[in-house]
C-alpha atoms as a PDB file:
ATOM      1  CA  UNK A   1       0.100  -0.105   0.057  1.00  0.00           C
ATOM      2  CA  UNK A   2       1.384   3.330  -0.779  1.00  0.00           C
ATOM      3  CA  UNK A   3       0.527   6.053   1.576  1.00  0.00           C
ATOM      4  CA  UNK A   4      -0.518   9.311  -0.565  1.00  0.00           C
ATOM      5  CA  UNK A   5      -2.087  11.256   2.249  1.00  0.00           C
ATOM      6  CA  UNK A   6       0.370  11.008   4.938  1.00  0.00           C
ATOM      7  CA  UNK A   7      -1.312  13.649   6.943  1.00  0.00           C
ATOM      8  CA  UNK A   8      -4.329  11.750   7.422  1.00  0.00           C
ATOM      9  CA  UNK A   9      -4.686  11.115  11.052  1.00  0.00           C
ATOM     10  CA  UNK A  10      -2.879   8.350  12.625  1.00  0.00           C
ATOM     11  CA  UNK A  11      -0.943   7.678   9.626  1.00  0.00           C
ATOM     12  CA  UNK A  12       1.981   9.011  10.067  1.00  0.00           C
ATOM     13  CA  UNK A  13       4.182   6.163  11.828  1.00  0.00           C
ATOM     14  CA  UNK A  14       3.052   4.330   8.361  1.00  0.00           C
ATOM     15  CA  UNK A  15       5.798   5.396   6.174  1.00  0.00           C
ATOM     16  CA  UNK A  16       5.692   6.033   2.337  1.00  0.00           C
ATOM     17  CA  UNK A  17       4.265   2.405   2.043  1.00  0.00           C
ATOM     18  CA  UNK A  18       3.912  -0.621   3.628  1.00  0.00           C
ATOM     19  CA  UNK A  19       2.874  -4.065   3.062  1.00  0.00           C
ATOM     20  CA  UNK A  20      -0.500  -6.164   3.861  1.00  0.00           C
ATOM     21  CA  UNK A  21      -1.628  -9.354   2.632  1.00  0.00           C
ATOM     22  CA  UNK A  22      -5.090  -8.340   1.160  1.00  0.00           C
ATOM     23  CA  UNK A  23      -7.084  -9.187  -1.631  1.00  0.00           C
ATOM     24  CA  UNK A  24      -7.317  -7.188  -4.882  1.00  0.00           C
ATOM     25  CA  UNK A  25     -10.851  -5.774  -5.617  1.00  0.00           C
ATOM     26  CA  UNK A  26     -11.688  -4.886  -8.984  1.00  0.00           C
ATOM     27  CA  UNK A  27     -13.720  -1.594  -8.638  1.00  0.00           C
ATOM     28  CA  UNK A  28     -15.099   0.330 -11.456  1.00  0.00           C
ATOM     29  CA  UNK A  29     -16.637   4.172 -11.732  1.00  0.00           C
ATOM     30  CA  UNK A  30     -14.718   5.762  -8.790  1.00  0.00           C
ATOM     31  CA  UNK A  31     -16.073   9.106  -7.680  1.00  0.00           C
ATOM     32  CA  UNK A  32     -13.249  11.619  -8.907  1.00  0.00           C
ATOM     33  CA  UNK A  33     -13.892  14.304  -6.317  1.00  0.00           C
ATOM     34  CA  UNK A  34     -12.571  11.440  -3.612  1.00  0.00           C
ATOM     35  CA  UNK A  35      -9.831  11.963  -1.410  1.00  0.00           C
ATOM     36  CA  UNK A  36      -7.431   8.554  -1.732  1.00  0.00           C
ATOM     37  CA  UNK A  37      -5.315   8.044   1.489  1.00  0.00           C
ATOM     38  CA  UNK A  38      -3.837   4.637   0.308  1.00  0.00           C
ATOM     39  CA  UNK A  39      -3.234   3.086  -2.781  1.00  0.00           C
ATOM     40  CA  UNK A  40      -3.097  -0.610  -3.525  1.00  0.00           C
ATOM     41  CA  UNK A  41      -0.070  -0.218  -5.976  1.00  0.00           C
ATOM     42  CA  UNK A  42      -0.541  -3.354  -8.645  1.00  0.00           C
ATOM     43  CA  UNK A  43       2.721  -3.285 -10.071  1.00  0.00           C
ATOM     44  CA  UNK A  44       4.009  -6.467  -8.931  1.00  0.00           C
ATOM     45  CA  UNK A  45       1.042  -8.640  -9.425  1.00  0.00           C
ATOM     46  CA  UNK A  46       1.208 -11.390 -11.832  1.00  0.00           C
ATOM     47  CA  UNK A  47      -1.540 -12.436 -14.399  1.00  0.00           C
ATOM     48  CA  UNK A  48      -3.302  -9.422 -13.889  1.00  0.00           C
ATOM     49  CA  UNK A  49      -3.837  -6.416 -15.853  1.00  0.00           C
ATOM     50  CA  UNK A  50      -5.059  -4.068 -13.404  1.00  0.00           C
ATOM     51  CA  UNK A  51      -4.306  -0.649 -12.755  1.00  0.00           C
ATOM     52  CA  UNK A  52      -3.710   0.706  -9.080  1.00  0.00           C
ATOM     53  CA  UNK A  53      -6.176   1.878  -7.466  1.00  0.00           C
ATOM     54  CA  UNK A  54      -7.576   3.572  -4.407  1.00  0.00           C
ATOM     55  CA  UNK A  55      -7.599   1.234  -1.147  1.00  0.00           C
ATOM     56  CA  UNK A  56      -8.781   3.653   1.303  1.00  0.00           C
ATOM     57  CA  UNK A  57     -11.116   6.825   0.784  1.00  0.00           C
ATOM     58  CA  UNK A  58     -12.190   9.450   2.726  1.00  0.00           C
ATOM     59  CA  UNK A  59     -14.803  11.643   1.571  1.00  0.00           C
ATOM     60  CA  UNK A  60     -16.930  14.381   2.499  1.00  0.00           C
ATOM     61  CA  UNK A  61     -20.090  12.871   1.282  1.00  0.00           C
ATOM     62  CA  UNK A  62     -22.549  15.315   2.582  1.00  0.00           C
ATOM     63  CA  UNK A  63     -22.601  18.930   4.016  1.00  0.00           C
ATOM     64  CA  UNK A  64     -22.122  17.081   7.389  1.00  0.00           C
ATOM     65  CA  UNK A  65     -21.256  13.417   6.545  1.00  0.00           C
ATOM     66  CA  UNK A  66     -17.503  11.632   6.300  1.00  0.00           C
ATOM     67  CA  UNK A  67     -17.084   8.672   4.770  1.00  0.00           C
ATOM     68  CA  UNK A  68     -14.194   6.070   5.216  1.00  0.00           C
ATOM     69  CA  UNK A  69     -13.976   3.117   3.055  1.00  0.00           C
ATOM     70  CA  UNK A  70     -11.566   0.121   3.905  1.00  0.00           C
ATOM     71  CA  UNK A  71     -11.393  -2.589   1.259  1.00  0.00           C
ATOM     72  CA  UNK A  72     -11.013  -6.381   2.868  1.00  0.00           C
ATOM     73  CA  UNK A  73     -10.852  -7.859   6.080  1.00  0.00           C
ATOM     74  CA  UNK A  74      -9.097 -11.025   5.690  1.00  0.00           C
ATOM     75  CA  UNK A  75      -8.582 -12.503   9.502  1.00  0.00           C
ATOM     76  CA  UNK A  76      -4.792 -11.558   9.284  1.00  0.00           C
ATOM     77  CA  UNK A  77      -5.468  -8.537   7.703  1.00  0.00           C
ATOM     78  CA  UNK A  78      -7.595  -7.549  11.387  1.00  0.00           C
ATOM     79  CA  UNK A  79      -4.932  -8.180  13.125  1.00  0.00           C
ATOM     80  CA  UNK A  80      -2.422  -5.888  11.604  1.00  0.00           C
ATOM     81  CA  UNK A  81      -1.451  -3.114  14.354  1.00  0.00           C
ATOM     82  CA  UNK A  82      -1.017  -0.915  10.670  1.00  0.00           C
ATOM     83  CA  UNK A  83      -4.609  -2.067  10.212  1.00  0.00           C
ATOM     84  CA  UNK A  84      -5.545  -0.974  13.330  1.00  0.00           C
ATOM     85  CA  UNK A  85      -3.643   2.544  13.346  1.00  0.00           C
ATOM     86  CA  UNK A  86      -5.876   3.514  10.168  1.00  0.00           C
ATOM     87  CA  UNK A  87      -8.876   2.215  11.361  1.00  0.00           C
ATOM     88  CA  UNK A  88      -8.350   4.406  14.893  1.00  0.00           C
ATOM     89  CA  UNK A  89      -7.544   7.320  12.914  1.00  0.00           C
ATOM     90  CA  UNK A  90     -10.657   7.374  10.516  1.00  0.00           C
ATOM     91  CA  UNK A  91     -12.801   6.557  13.833  1.00  0.00           C
ATOM     92  CA  UNK A  92     -11.352   9.940  14.992  1.00  0.00           C
ATOM     93  CA  UNK A  93     -11.632  11.434  11.429  1.00  0.00           C
ATOM     94  CA  UNK A  94     -15.409  10.110  10.688  1.00  0.00           C
ATOM     95  CA  UNK A  95     -17.333  12.033  13.686  1.00  0.00           C
ATOM     96  CA  UNK A  96     -15.470  14.910  13.322  1.00  0.00           C
ATOM     97  CA  UNK A  97     -13.368  14.681  16.346  1.00  0.00           C
ATOM     98  CA  UNK A  98     -10.114  15.543  14.327  1.00  0.00           C
ATOM     99  CA  UNK A  99      -9.465  17.304  11.249  1.00  0.00           C
ATOM    100  CA  UNK A 100      -7.859  16.257   7.693  1.00  0.00           C
ATOM    101  CA  UNK A 101      -6.944  17.737   4.447  1.00  0.00           C
ATOM    102  CA  UNK A 102      -9.365  15.785   2.140  1.00  0.00           C
ATOM    103  CA  UNK A 103      -9.220  17.737  -1.242  1.00  0.00           C
ATOM    104  CA  UNK A 104     -10.171  15.396  -4.301  1.00  0.00           C
ATOM    105  CA  UNK A 105      -6.908  14.063  -5.220  1.00  0.00           C
ATOM    106  CA  UNK A 106      -8.241  10.620  -7.078  1.00  0.00           C
ATOM    107  CA  UNK A 107      -7.165  11.729 -10.665  1.00  0.00           C
ATOM    108  CA  UNK A 108      -3.819  12.831  -9.905  1.00  0.00           C
ATOM    109  CA  UNK A 109      -2.746   9.938  -7.175  1.00  0.00           C
ATOM    110  CA  UNK A 110      -4.566   6.839  -9.100  1.00  0.00           C
ATOM    111  CA  UNK A 111      -4.587   8.083 -12.804  1.00  0.00           C
ATOM    112  CA  UNK A 112      -5.572   5.152 -14.524  1.00  0.00           C
ATOM    113  CA  UNK A 113      -8.192   3.936 -12.103  1.00  0.00           C
ATOM    114  CA  UNK A 114     -11.620   4.227 -14.009  1.00  0.00           C
ATOM    115  CA  UNK A 115     -14.040   7.105 -13.698  1.00  0.00           C
ATOM    116  CA  UNK A 116     -16.573   5.927 -15.674  1.00  0.00           C
END
């Protein structure tokens, strides 16, 4: 996973990237107005022609609602300290306990991901 929003709550200790064994989700029709926090880097995937796509997203969906989308949940994933740190940061941000810059960055950090 590439950290593309290092100032998002609780991501400071994750460095520029980290490894998680996770499923790869073939999603499409992303909203380009989203703010991407982490990117699933697919360059080393073998046999799957897949673009790098957003792994975790933060978005002000409505005037007073915040959405944090987290992909995957294999058993080992949930036990990961890094995953727990990301979830705790999101749980602080979603109700507005902490702020974060969530300027849309989807097209900049995942230029090959489909938006339509």
